[in-house]
Amino acid sequence: MKKTKGVSLETVIERQIKKDKDFRILFDERRFYLQVAHLITNLRAKSGLSQSEVAKAAGVSQPLIARLEKGDQRRAPTFDTIYRILKTLGYQLEISVTRDHRKAA
């Protein structure tokens, strides 16, 4: 029996990103939401506050905090909401934009 060489998931994703512009856009969008989710989750954990405590102080619902921390992009919060959550946690929102140097498909 002949052994086949495996390919890592990272390799498959990079190949798909290079050849399919729509995939790259969707992949980058999903990554953005997950980055926001990890940021909010980590900052809230550092603060020692529960989702309910953050929600009450920011004037939003606890389920919104839960969706945000899951990276649920079906009902994405506004910048205003993210701003209020970060202020509640003792942080300010700054936006930075960098050029995407990957070649378009």
PDB file of N, CA and C in Angstrom:
ATOM      1  N   MET A   1       0.833  -1.175   0.000  1.00  0.00           N
ATOM      2  CA  MET A   1       0.000   0.000   0.000  1.00  0.00           C
ATOM      3  C   MET A   1       0.882   1.244   0.000  1.00  0.00           C
ATOM      4  N   LYS A   2       0.562   2.185  -0.855  1.00  0.00           N
ATOM      5  CA  LYS A   2       1.342   3.399  -0.995  1.00  0.00           C
ATOM      6  C   LYS A   2       0.870   4.437   0.021  1.00  0.00           C
ATOM      7  N   LYS A   3       1.840   5.043   0.729  1.00  0.00           N
ATOM      8  CA  LYS A   3       1.521   6.109   1.676  1.00  0.00           C
ATOM      9  C   LYS A   3       1.328   7.415   0.918  1.00  0.00           C
ATOM     10  N   THR A   4       0.317   8.165   1.327  1.00  0.00           N
ATOM     11  CA  THR A   4       0.119   9.486   0.740  1.00  0.00           C
ATOM     12  C   THR A   4       0.630  10.536   1.709  1.00  0.00           C
ATOM     13  N   LYS A   5       1.140  11.588   1.159  1.00  0.00           N
ATOM     14  CA  LYS A   5       1.667  12.667   1.981  1.00  0.00           C
ATOM     15  C   LYS A   5       0.522  13.608   2.354  1.00  0.00           C
ATOM     16  N   GLY A   6       0.403  13.906   3.629  1.00  0.00           N
ATOM     17  CA  GLY A   6      -0.651  14.791   4.105  1.00  0.00           C
ATOM     18  C   GLY A   6      -0.306  16.248   3.862  1.00  0.00           C
ATOM     19  N   VAL A   7      -1.334  17.055   3.828  1.00  0.00           N
ATOM     20  CA  VAL A   7      -1.186  18.494   3.657  1.00  0.00           C
ATOM     21  C   VAL A   7      -1.846  19.162   4.852  1.00  0.00           C
ATOM     22  N   SER A   8      -1.153  20.125   5.431  1.00  0.00           N
ATOM     23  CA  SER A   8      -1.693  20.794   6.608  1.00  0.00           C
ATOM     24  C   SER A   8      -2.883  21.679   6.230  1.00  0.00           C
ATOM     25  N   LEU A   9      -3.733  21.919   7.200  1.00  0.00           N
ATOM     26  CA  LEU A   9      -4.874  22.803   6.993  1.00  0.00           C
ATOM     27  C   LEU A   9      -4.401  24.192   6.598  1.00  0.00           C
ATOM     28  N   GLU A  10      -3.338  24.673   7.230  1.00  0.00           N
ATOM     29  CA  GLU A  10      -2.802  25.996   6.899  1.00  0.00           C
ATOM     30  C   GLU A  10      -2.423  26.084   5.425  1.00  0.00           C
ATOM     31  N   THR A  11      -1.824  25.022   4.900  1.00  0.00           N
ATOM     32  CA  THR A  11      -1.428  24.994   3.491  1.00  0.00           C
ATOM     33  C   THR A  11      -2.650  25.040   2.584  1.00  0.00           C
ATOM     34  N   VAL A  12      -3.659  24.270   2.919  1.00  0.00           N
ATOM     35  CA  VAL A  12      -4.889  24.251   2.130  1.00  0.00           C
ATOM     36  C   VAL A  12      -5.539  25.633   2.128  1.00  0.00           C
ATOM     37  N   ILE A  13      -5.610  26.262   3.296  1.00  0.00           N
ATOM     38  CA  ILE A  13      -6.221  27.585   3.400  1.00  0.00           C
ATOM     39  C   ILE A  13      -5.424  28.613   2.601  1.00  0.00           C
ATOM     40  N   GLU A  14      -4.104  28.599   2.736  1.00  0.00           N
ATOM     41  CA  GLU A  14      -3.276  29.564   1.992  1.00  0.00           C
ATOM     42  C   GLU A  14      -3.439  29.388   0.487  1.00  0.00           C
ATOM     43  N   ARG A  15      -3.508  28.151   0.023  1.00  0.00           N
ATOM     44  CA  ARG A  15      -3.709  27.906  -1.416  1.00  0.00           C
ATOM     45  C   ARG A  15      -5.054  28.471  -1.868  1.00  0.00           C
ATOM     46  N   GLN A  16      -6.085  28.234  -1.070  1.00  0.00           N
ATOM     47  CA  GLN A  16      -7.420  28.710  -1.413  1.00  0.00           C
ATOM     48  C   GLN A  16      -7.474  30.233  -1.391  1.00  0.00           C
ATOM     49  N   ILE A  17      -6.819  30.854  -0.406  1.00  0.00           N
ATOM     50  CA  ILE A  17      -6.783  32.314  -0.310  1.00  0.00           C
ATOM     51  C   ILE A  17      -6.129  32.911  -1.550  1.00  0.00           C
ATOM     52  N   LYS A  18      -5.065  32.278  -2.031  1.00  0.00           N
ATOM     53  CA  LYS A  18      -4.338  32.792  -3.194  1.00  0.00           C
ATOM     54  C   LYS A  18      -5.140  32.677  -4.485  1.00  0.00           C
ATOM     55  N   LYS A  19      -5.961  31.638  -4.603  1.00  0.00           N
ATOM     56  CA  LYS A  19      -6.646  31.428  -5.883  1.00  0.00           C
ATOM     57  C   LYS A  19      -8.092  31.905  -5.921  1.00  0.00           C
ATOM     58  N   ASP A  20      -8.692  32.197  -4.767  1.00  0.00           N
ATOM     59  CA  ASP A  20     -10.111  32.542  -4.730  1.00  0.00           C
ATOM     60  C   ASP A  20     -10.330  33.827  -3.926  1.00  0.00           C
ATOM     61  N   LYS A  21     -10.571  34.924  -4.639  1.00  0.00           N
ATOM     62  CA  LYS A  21     -10.732  36.231  -3.995  1.00  0.00           C
ATOM     63  C   LYS A  21     -11.917  36.245  -3.025  1.00  0.00           C
ATOM     64  N   ASP A  22     -13.027  35.639  -3.413  1.00  0.00           N
ATOM     65  CA  ASP A  22     -14.204  35.603  -2.541  1.00  0.00           C
ATOM     66  C   ASP A  22     -13.919  34.834  -1.252  1.00  0.00           C
ATOM     67  N   PHE A  23     -13.196  33.735  -1.369  1.00  0.00           N
ATOM     68  CA  PHE A  23     -12.825  32.961  -0.183  1.00  0.00           C
ATOM     69  C   PHE A  23     -11.954  33.805   0.737  1.00  0.00           C
ATOM     70  N   ARG A  24     -10.991  34.519   0.150  1.00  0.00           N
ATOM     71  CA  ARG A  24     -10.088  35.352   0.941  1.00  0.00           C
ATOM     72  C   ARG A  24     -10.864  36.419   1.714  1.00  0.00           C
ATOM     73  N   ILE A  25     -11.817  37.049   1.054  1.00  0.00           N
ATOM     74  CA  ILE A  25     -12.623  38.080   1.712  1.00  0.00           C
ATOM     75  C   ILE A  25     -13.419  37.477   2.868  1.00  0.00           C
ATOM     76  N   LEU A  26     -14.077  36.358   2.644  1.00  0.00           N
ATOM     77  CA  LEU A  26     -14.857  35.699   3.697  1.00  0.00           C
ATOM     78  C   LEU A  26     -13.966  35.217   4.839  1.00  0.00           C
ATOM     79  N   PHE A  27     -12.808  34.674   4.493  1.00  0.00           N
ATOM     80  CA  PHE A  27     -11.867  34.190   5.507  1.00  0.00           C
ATOM     81  C   PHE A  27     -11.366  35.348   6.372  1.00  0.00           C
ATOM     82  N   ASP A  28     -10.984  36.448   5.741  1.00  0.00           N
ATOM     83  CA  ASP A  28     -10.490  37.610   6.477  1.00  0.00           C
ATOM     84  C   ASP A  28     -11.586  38.236   7.334  1.00  0.00           C
ATOM     85  N   GLU A  29     -12.814  38.244   6.820  1.00  0.00           N
ATOM     86  CA  GLU A  29     -13.933  38.780   7.596  1.00  0.00           C
ATOM     87  C   GLU A  29     -14.163  37.930   8.850  1.00  0.00           C
ATOM     88  N   ARG A  30     -14.142  36.625   8.684  1.00  0.00           N
ATOM     89  CA  ARG A  30     -14.343  35.730   9.832  1.00  0.00           C
ATOM     90  C   ARG A  30     -13.217  35.897  10.846  1.00  0.00           C
ATOM     91  N   ARG A  31     -11.987  36.018  10.346  1.00  0.00           N
ATOM     92  CA  ARG A  31     -10.847  36.222  11.231  1.00  0.00           C
ATOM     93  C   ARG A  31     -10.990  37.526  12.031  1.00  0.00           C
ATOM     94  N   PHE A  32     -11.499  38.574  11.385  1.00  0.00           N
ATOM     95  CA  PHE A  32     -11.722  39.853  12.063  1.00  0.00           C
ATOM     96  C   PHE A  32     -12.681  39.680  13.237  1.00  0.00           C
ATOM     97  N   TYR A  33     -13.815  39.027  12.995  1.00  0.00           N
ATOM     98  CA  TYR A  33     -14.790  38.827  14.067  1.00  0.00           C
ATOM     99  C   TYR A  33     -14.225  37.989  15.202  1.00  0.00           C
ATOM    100  N   LEU A  34     -13.420  36.992  14.873  1.00  0.00           N
ATOM    101  CA  LEU A  34     -12.803  36.172  15.916  1.00  0.00           C
ATOM    102  C   LEU A  34     -11.748  36.952  16.694  1.00  0.00           C
ATOM    103  N   GLN A  35     -11.036  37.849  16.039  1.00  0.00           N
ATOM    104  CA  GLN A  35     -10.073  38.694  16.747  1.00  0.00           C
ATOM    105  C   GLN A  35     -10.776  39.604  17.740  1.00  0.00           C
ATOM    106  N   VAL A  36     -11.898  40.192  17.332  1.00  0.00           N
ATOM    107  CA  VAL A  36     -12.682  41.025  18.241  1.00  0.00           C
ATOM    108  C   VAL A  36     -13.194  40.176  19.399  1.00  0.00           C
ATOM    109  N   ALA A  37     -13.672  38.975  19.091  1.00  0.00           N
ATOM    110  CA  ALA A  37     -14.184  38.075  20.131  1.00  0.00           C
ATOM    111  C   ALA A  37     -13.107  37.759  21.163  1.00  0.00           C
ATOM    112  N   HIS A  38     -11.915  37.399  20.703  1.00  0.00           N
ATOM    113  CA  HIS A  38     -10.821  37.081  21.625  1.00  0.00           C
ATOM    114  C   HIS A  38     -10.408  38.307  22.438  1.00  0.00           C
ATOM    115  N   LEU A  39     -10.374  39.453  21.803  1.00  0.00           N
ATOM    116  CA  LEU A  39     -10.003  40.682  22.502  1.00  0.00           C
ATOM    117  C   LEU A  39     -10.974  40.975  23.642  1.00  0.00           C
ATOM    118  N   ILE A  40     -12.259  40.993  23.342  1.00  0.00           N
ATOM    119  CA  ILE A  40     -13.266  41.290  24.364  1.00  0.00           C
ATOM    120  C   ILE A  40     -13.233  40.237  25.471  1.00  0.00           C
ATOM    121  N   THR A  41     -13.145  38.976  25.093  1.00  0.00           N
ATOM    122  CA  THR A  41     -13.103  37.893  26.085  1.00  0.00           C
ATOM    123  C   THR A  41     -11.906  38.046  27.013  1.00  0.00           C
ATOM    124  N   ASN A  42     -10.736  38.299  26.448  1.00  0.00           N
ATOM    125  CA  ASN A  42      -9.521  38.422  27.257  1.00  0.00           C
ATOM    126  C   ASN A  42      -9.552  39.656  28.156  1.00  0.00           C
ATOM    127  N   LEU A  43     -10.023  40.779  27.626  1.00  0.00           N
ATOM    128  CA  LEU A  43     -10.087  41.992  28.440  1.00  0.00           C
ATOM    129  C   LEU A  43     -11.105  41.846  29.577  1.00  0.00           C
ATOM    130  N   ARG A  44     -12.222  41.192  29.282  1.00  0.00           N
ATOM    131  CA  ARG A  44     -13.226  40.975  30.329  1.00  0.00           C
ATOM    132  C   ARG A  44     -12.673  40.040  31.400  1.00  0.00           C
ATOM    133  N   ALA A  45     -11.981  38.993  30.989  1.00  0.00           N
ATOM    134  CA  ALA A  45     -11.384  38.051  31.956  1.00  0.00           C
ATOM    135  C   ALA A  45     -10.355  38.769  32.828  1.00  0.00           C
ATOM    136  N   LYS A  46      -9.535  39.630  32.211  1.00  0.00           N
ATOM    137  CA  LYS A  46      -8.547  40.411  32.978  1.00  0.00           C
ATOM    138  C   LYS A  46      -9.213  41.294  34.021  1.00  0.00           C
ATOM    139  N   SER A  47     -10.360  41.834  33.660  1.00  0.00           N
ATOM    140  CA  SER A  47     -11.049  42.758  34.564  1.00  0.00           C
ATOM    141  C   SER A  47     -11.731  42.031  35.722  1.00  0.00           C
ATOM    142  N   GLY A  48     -11.938  40.723  35.563  1.00  0.00           N
ATOM    143  CA  GLY A  48     -12.610  39.952  36.602  1.00  0.00           C
ATOM    144  C   GLY A  48     -14.115  40.140  36.624  1.00  0.00           C
ATOM    145  N   LEU A  49     -14.666  40.697  35.559  1.00  0.00           N
ATOM    146  CA  LEU A  49     -16.103  40.941  35.491  1.00  0.00           C
ATOM    147  C   LEU A  49     -16.805  39.820  34.722  1.00  0.00           C
ATOM    148  N   SER A  50     -18.046  39.563  35.097  1.00  0.00           N
ATOM    149  CA  SER A  50     -18.858  38.587  34.368  1.00  0.00           C
ATOM    150  C   SER A  50     -19.446  39.255  33.127  1.00  0.00           C
ATOM    151  N   GLN A  51     -19.978  38.440  32.233  1.00  0.00           N
ATOM    152  CA  GLN A  51     -20.654  38.993  31.061  1.00  0.00           C
ATOM    153  C   GLN A  51     -21.818  39.879  31.496  1.00  0.00           C
ATOM    154  N   SER A  52     -22.544  39.447  32.505  1.00  0.00           N
ATOM    155  CA  SER A  52     -23.699  40.225  32.994  1.00  0.00           C
ATOM    156  C   SER A  52     -23.271  41.572  33.553  1.00  0.00           C
ATOM    157  N   GLU A  53     -22.170  41.591  34.299  1.00  0.00           N
ATOM    158  CA  GLU A  53     -21.677  42.847  34.874  1.00  0.00           C
ATOM    159  C   GLU A  53     -21.243  43.820  33.787  1.00  0.00           C
ATOM    160  N   VAL A  54     -20.549  43.315  32.781  1.00  0.00           N
ATOM    161  CA  VAL A  54     -20.117  44.175  31.674  1.00  0.00           C
ATOM    162  C   VAL A  54     -21.331  44.689  30.908  1.00  0.00           C
ATOM    163  N   ALA A  55     -22.270  43.798  30.649  1.00  0.00           N
ATOM    164  CA  ALA A  55     -23.472  44.184  29.912  1.00  0.00           C
ATOM    165  C   ALA A  55     -24.234  45.289  30.632  1.00  0.00           C
ATOM    166  N   LYS A  56     -24.439  45.120  31.918  1.00  0.00           N
ATOM    167  CA  LYS A  56     -25.189  46.121  32.696  1.00  0.00           C
ATOM    168  C   LYS A  56     -24.468  47.471  32.670  1.00  0.00           C
ATOM    169  N   ALA A  57     -23.159  47.461  32.901  1.00  0.00           N
ATOM    170  CA  ALA A  57     -22.392  48.710  32.937  1.00  0.00           C
ATOM    171  C   ALA A  57     -22.339  49.389  31.564  1.00  0.00           C
ATOM    172  N   ALA A  58     -22.346  48.590  30.485  1.00  0.00           N
ATOM    173  CA  ALA A  58     -22.256  49.151  29.129  1.00  0.00           C
ATOM    174  C   ALA A  58     -23.631  49.463  28.538  1.00  0.00           C
ATOM    175  N   GLY A  59     -24.678  49.054  29.242  1.00  0.00           N
ATOM    176  CA  GLY A  59     -26.021  49.315  28.739  1.00  0.00           C
ATOM    177  C   GLY A  59     -26.437  48.424  27.586  1.00  0.00           C
ATOM    178  N   VAL A  60     -25.949  47.182  27.597  1.00  0.00           N
ATOM    179  CA  VAL A  60     -26.316  46.208  26.569  1.00  0.00           C
ATOM    180  C   VAL A  60     -26.795  44.930  27.257  1.00  0.00           C
ATOM    181  N   SER A  61     -27.248  43.971  26.479  1.00  0.00           N
ATOM    182  CA  SER A  61     -27.725  42.720  27.065  1.00  0.00           C
ATOM    183  C   SER A  61     -26.579  41.723  27.236  1.00  0.00           C
ATOM    184  N   GLN A  62     -26.745  40.816  28.188  1.00  0.00           N
ATOM    185  CA  GLN A  62     -25.741  39.766  28.395  1.00  0.00           C
ATOM    186  C   GLN A  62     -25.631  38.861  27.166  1.00  0.00           C
ATOM    187  N   PRO A  63     -26.764  38.493  26.513  1.00  0.00           N
ATOM    188  CA  PRO A  63     -26.631  37.679  25.297  1.00  0.00           C
ATOM    189  C   PRO A  63     -25.805  38.365  24.200  1.00  0.00           C
ATOM    190  N   LEU A  64     -25.862  39.698  24.123  1.00  0.00           N
ATOM    191  CA  LEU A  64     -25.037  40.403  23.142  1.00  0.00           C
ATOM    192  C   LEU A  64     -23.560  40.192  23.453  1.00  0.00           C
ATOM    193  N   ILE A  65     -23.196  40.268  24.729  1.00  0.00           N
ATOM    194  CA  ILE A  65     -21.800  40.035  25.122  1.00  0.00           C
ATOM    195  C   ILE A  65     -21.404  38.603  24.762  1.00  0.00           C
ATOM    196  N   ALA A  66     -22.285  37.650  25.034  1.00  0.00           N
ATOM    197  CA  ALA A  66     -21.998  36.246  24.717  1.00  0.00           C
ATOM    198  C   ALA A  66     -21.802  36.055  23.215  1.00  0.00           C
ATOM    199  N   ARG A  67     -22.685  36.650  22.398  1.00  0.00           N
ATOM    200  CA  ARG A  67     -22.544  36.533  20.936  1.00  0.00           C
ATOM    201  C   ARG A  67     -21.244  37.174  20.469  1.00  0.00           C
ATOM    202  N   LEU A  68     -20.926  38.326  21.029  1.00  0.00           N
ATOM    203  CA  LEU A  68     -19.701  39.032  20.668  1.00  0.00           C
ATOM    204  C   LEU A  68     -18.483  38.177  20.999  1.00  0.00           C
ATOM    205  N   GLU A  69     -18.481  37.551  22.171  1.00  0.00           N
ATOM    206  CA  GLU A  69     -17.350  36.726  22.592  1.00  0.00           C
ATOM    207  C   GLU A  69     -17.249  35.417  21.800  1.00  0.00           C
ATOM    208  N   LYS A  70     -18.323  35.003  21.167  1.00  0.00           N
ATOM    209  CA  LYS A  70     -18.291  33.807  20.308  1.00  0.00           C
ATOM    210  C   LYS A  70     -17.829  34.150  18.897  1.00  0.00           C
ATOM    211  N   GLY A  71     -17.822  35.439  18.569  1.00  0.00           N
ATOM    212  CA  GLY A  71     -17.471  35.844  17.209  1.00  0.00           C
ATOM    213  C   GLY A  71     -18.644  35.705  16.266  1.00  0.00           C
ATOM    214  N   ASP A  72     -19.859  35.712  16.819  1.00  0.00           N
ATOM    215  CA  ASP A  72     -21.080  35.574  16.019  1.00  0.00           C
ATOM    216  C   ASP A  72     -21.281  36.822  15.181  1.00  0.00           C
ATOM    217  N   GLN A  73     -21.141  36.682  13.877  1.00  0.00           N
ATOM    218  CA  GLN A  73     -21.240  37.842  13.009  1.00  0.00           C
ATOM    219  C   GLN A  73     -22.620  37.995  12.382  1.00  0.00           C
ATOM    220  N   ARG A  74     -23.559  37.124  12.731  1.00  0.00           N
ATOM    221  CA  ARG A  74     -24.905  37.236  12.164  1.00  0.00           C
ATOM    222  C   ARG A  74     -25.598  38.511  12.632  1.00  0.00           C
ATOM    223  N   ARG A  75     -25.329  38.914  13.863  1.00  0.00           N
ATOM    224  CA  ARG A  75     -25.888  40.162  14.403  1.00  0.00           C
ATOM    225  C   ARG A  75     -24.741  40.944  15.019  1.00  0.00           C
ATOM    226  N   ALA A  76     -23.904  41.459  14.152  1.00  0.00           N
ATOM    227  CA  ALA A  76     -22.698  42.153  14.597  1.00  0.00           C
ATOM    228  C   ALA A  76     -23.047  43.447  15.326  1.00  0.00           C
ATOM    229  N   PRO A  77     -22.353  43.726  16.431  1.00  0.00           N
ATOM    230  CA  PRO A  77     -22.589  44.973  17.156  1.00  0.00           C
ATOM    231  C   PRO A  77     -22.023  46.168  16.388  1.00  0.00           C
ATOM    232  N   THR A  78     -22.550  47.332  16.700  1.00  0.00           N
ATOM    233  CA  THR A  78     -22.061  48.562  16.083  1.00  0.00           C
ATOM    234  C   THR A  78     -20.745  48.975  16.749  1.00  0.00           C
ATOM    235  N   PHE A  79     -20.046  49.894  16.125  1.00  0.00           N
ATOM    236  CA  PHE A  79     -18.834  50.444  16.729  1.00  0.00           C
ATOM    237  C   PHE A  79     -19.169  51.106  18.059  1.00  0.00           C
ATOM    238  N   ASP A  80     -20.333  51.759  18.119  1.00  0.00           N
ATOM    239  CA  ASP A  80     -20.763  52.405  19.353  1.00  0.00           C
ATOM    240  C   ASP A  80     -20.857  51.387  20.495  1.00  0.00           C
ATOM    241  N   THR A  81     -21.423  50.233  20.216  1.00  0.00           N
ATOM    242  CA  THR A  81     -21.553  49.188  21.238  1.00  0.00           C
ATOM    243  C   THR A  81     -20.193  48.662  21.663  1.00  0.00           C
ATOM    244  N   ILE A  82     -19.339  48.394  20.711  1.00  0.00           N
ATOM    245  CA  ILE A  82     -17.989  47.913  21.043  1.00  0.00           C
ATOM    246  C   ILE A  82     -17.245  48.978  21.849  1.00  0.00           C
ATOM    247  N   TYR A  83     -17.409  50.220  21.452  1.00  0.00           N
ATOM    248  CA  TYR A  83     -16.778  51.331  22.169  1.00  0.00           C
ATOM    249  C   TYR A  83     -17.223  51.351  23.632  1.00  0.00           C
ATOM    250  N   ARG A  84     -18.540  51.255  23.864  1.00  0.00           N
ATOM    251  CA  ARG A  84     -19.069  51.283  25.236  1.00  0.00           C
ATOM    252  C   ARG A  84     -18.568  50.093  26.058  1.00  0.00           C
ATOM    253  N   ILE A  85     -18.476  48.926  25.439  1.00  0.00           N
ATOM    254  CA  ILE A  85     -17.984  47.741  26.143  1.00  0.00           C
ATOM    255  C   ILE A  85     -16.523  47.926  26.532  1.00  0.00           C
ATOM    256  N   LEU A  86     -15.726  48.415  25.591  1.00  0.00           N
ATOM    257  CA  LEU A  86     -14.301  48.638  25.889  1.00  0.00           C
ATOM    258  C   LEU A  86     -14.120  49.704  26.968  1.00  0.00           C
ATOM    259  N   LYS A  87     -14.905  50.774  26.917  1.00  0.00           N
ATOM    260  CA  LYS A  87     -14.829  51.818  27.958  1.00  0.00           C
ATOM    261  C   LYS A  87     -15.174  51.228  29.321  1.00  0.00           C
ATOM    262  N   THR A  88     -16.182  50.379  29.369  1.00  0.00           N
ATOM    263  CA  THR A  88     -16.570  49.707  30.612  1.00  0.00           C
ATOM    264  C   THR A  88     -15.408  48.888  31.167  1.00  0.00           C
ATOM    265  N   LEU A  89     -14.634  48.291  30.271  1.00  0.00           N
ATOM    266  CA  LEU A  89     -13.490  47.468  30.683  1.00  0.00           C
ATOM    267  C   LEU A  89     -12.232  48.295  30.938  1.00  0.00           C
ATOM    268  N   GLY A  90     -12.328  49.616  30.730  1.00  0.00           N
ATOM    269  CA  GLY A  90     -11.190  50.490  30.996  1.00  0.00           C
ATOM    270  C   GLY A  90     -10.264  50.704  29.813  1.00  0.00           C
ATOM    271  N   TYR A  91     -10.774  50.502  28.609  1.00  0.00           N
ATOM    272  CA  TYR A  91      -9.965  50.661  27.394  1.00  0.00           C
ATOM    273  C   TYR A  91     -10.648  51.630  26.450  1.00  0.00           C
ATOM    274  N   GLN A  92      -9.894  52.123  25.475  1.00  0.00           N
ATOM    275  CA  GLN A  92     -10.470  52.967  24.442  1.00  0.00           C
ATOM    276  C   GLN A  92     -10.288  52.298  23.099  1.00  0.00           C
ATOM    277  N   LEU A  93     -11.153  52.630  22.178  1.00  0.00           N
ATOM    278  CA  LEU A  93     -11.121  52.044  20.844  1.00  0.00           C
ATOM    279  C   LEU A  93     -10.281  52.916  19.924  1.00  0.00           C
ATOM    280  N   GLU A  94      -9.303  52.315  19.288  1.00  0.00           N
ATOM    281  CA  GLU A  94      -8.513  52.984  18.256  1.00  0.00           C
ATOM    282  C   GLU A  94      -8.548  52.097  17.029  1.00  0.00           C
ATOM    283  N   ILE A  95      -8.708  52.695  15.874  1.00  0.00           N
ATOM    284  CA  ILE A  95      -8.782  51.915  14.639  1.00  0.00           C
ATOM    285  C   ILE A  95      -7.535  52.182  13.818  1.00  0.00           C
ATOM    286  N   SER A  96      -6.965  51.108  13.330  1.00  0.00           N
ATOM    287  CA  SER A  96      -5.777  51.182  12.499  1.00  0.00           C
ATOM    288  C   SER A  96      -6.044  50.410  11.205  1.00  0.00           C
ATOM    289  N   VAL A  97      -5.596  50.948  10.106  1.00  0.00           N
ATOM    290  CA  VAL A  97      -5.782  50.297   8.820  1.00  0.00           C
ATOM    291  C   VAL A  97      -4.414  50.054   8.200  1.00  0.00           C
ATOM    292  N   THR A  98      -4.203  48.852   7.698  1.00  0.00           N
ATOM    293  CA  THR A  98      -2.957  48.528   7.008  1.00  0.00           C
ATOM    294  C   THR A  98      -3.289  47.949   5.636  1.00  0.00           C
ATOM    295  N   ARG A  99      -2.383  48.102   4.730  1.00  0.00           N
ATOM    296  CA  ARG A  99      -2.568  47.605   3.368  1.00  0.00           C
ATOM    297  C   ARG A  99      -2.415  46.097   3.344  1.00  0.00           C
ATOM    298  N   ASP A 100      -3.297  45.423   2.606  1.00  0.00           N
ATOM    299  CA  ASP A 100      -3.221  43.975   2.409  1.00  0.00           C
ATOM    300  C   ASP A 100      -2.338  43.745   1.179  1.00  0.00           C
ATOM    301  N   HIS A 101      -1.172  43.192   1.395  1.00  0.00           N
ATOM    302  CA  HIS A 101      -0.201  43.042   0.309  1.00  0.00           C
ATOM    303  C   HIS A 101      -0.321  41.725  -0.439  1.00  0.00           C
ATOM    304  N   ARG A 102      -1.321  40.924  -0.101  1.00  0.00           N
ATOM    305  CA  ARG A 102      -1.504  39.675  -0.859  1.00  0.00           C
ATOM    306  C   ARG A 102      -2.045  39.998  -2.239  1.00  0.00           C
ATOM    307  N   LYS A 103      -1.622  39.238  -3.206  1.00  0.00           N
ATOM    308  CA  LYS A 103      -2.061  39.438  -4.583  1.00  0.00           C
ATOM    309  C   LYS A 103      -3.522  39.046  -4.733  1.00  0.00           C
ATOM    310  N   ALA A 104      -4.245  39.831  -5.515  1.00  0.00           N
ATOM    311  CA  ALA A 104      -5.644  39.500  -5.801  1.00  0.00           C
ATOM    312  C   ALA A 104      -5.685  38.301  -6.733  1.00  0.00           C
ATOM    313  N   ALA A 105      -6.711  37.519  -6.608  1.00  0.00           N
ATOM    314  CA  ALA A 105      -6.854  36.310  -7.452  1.00  0.00           C
ATOM    315  C   ALA A 105      -7.197  36.675  -8.869  1.00  0.00           C
TER     316      ALA A 105
END
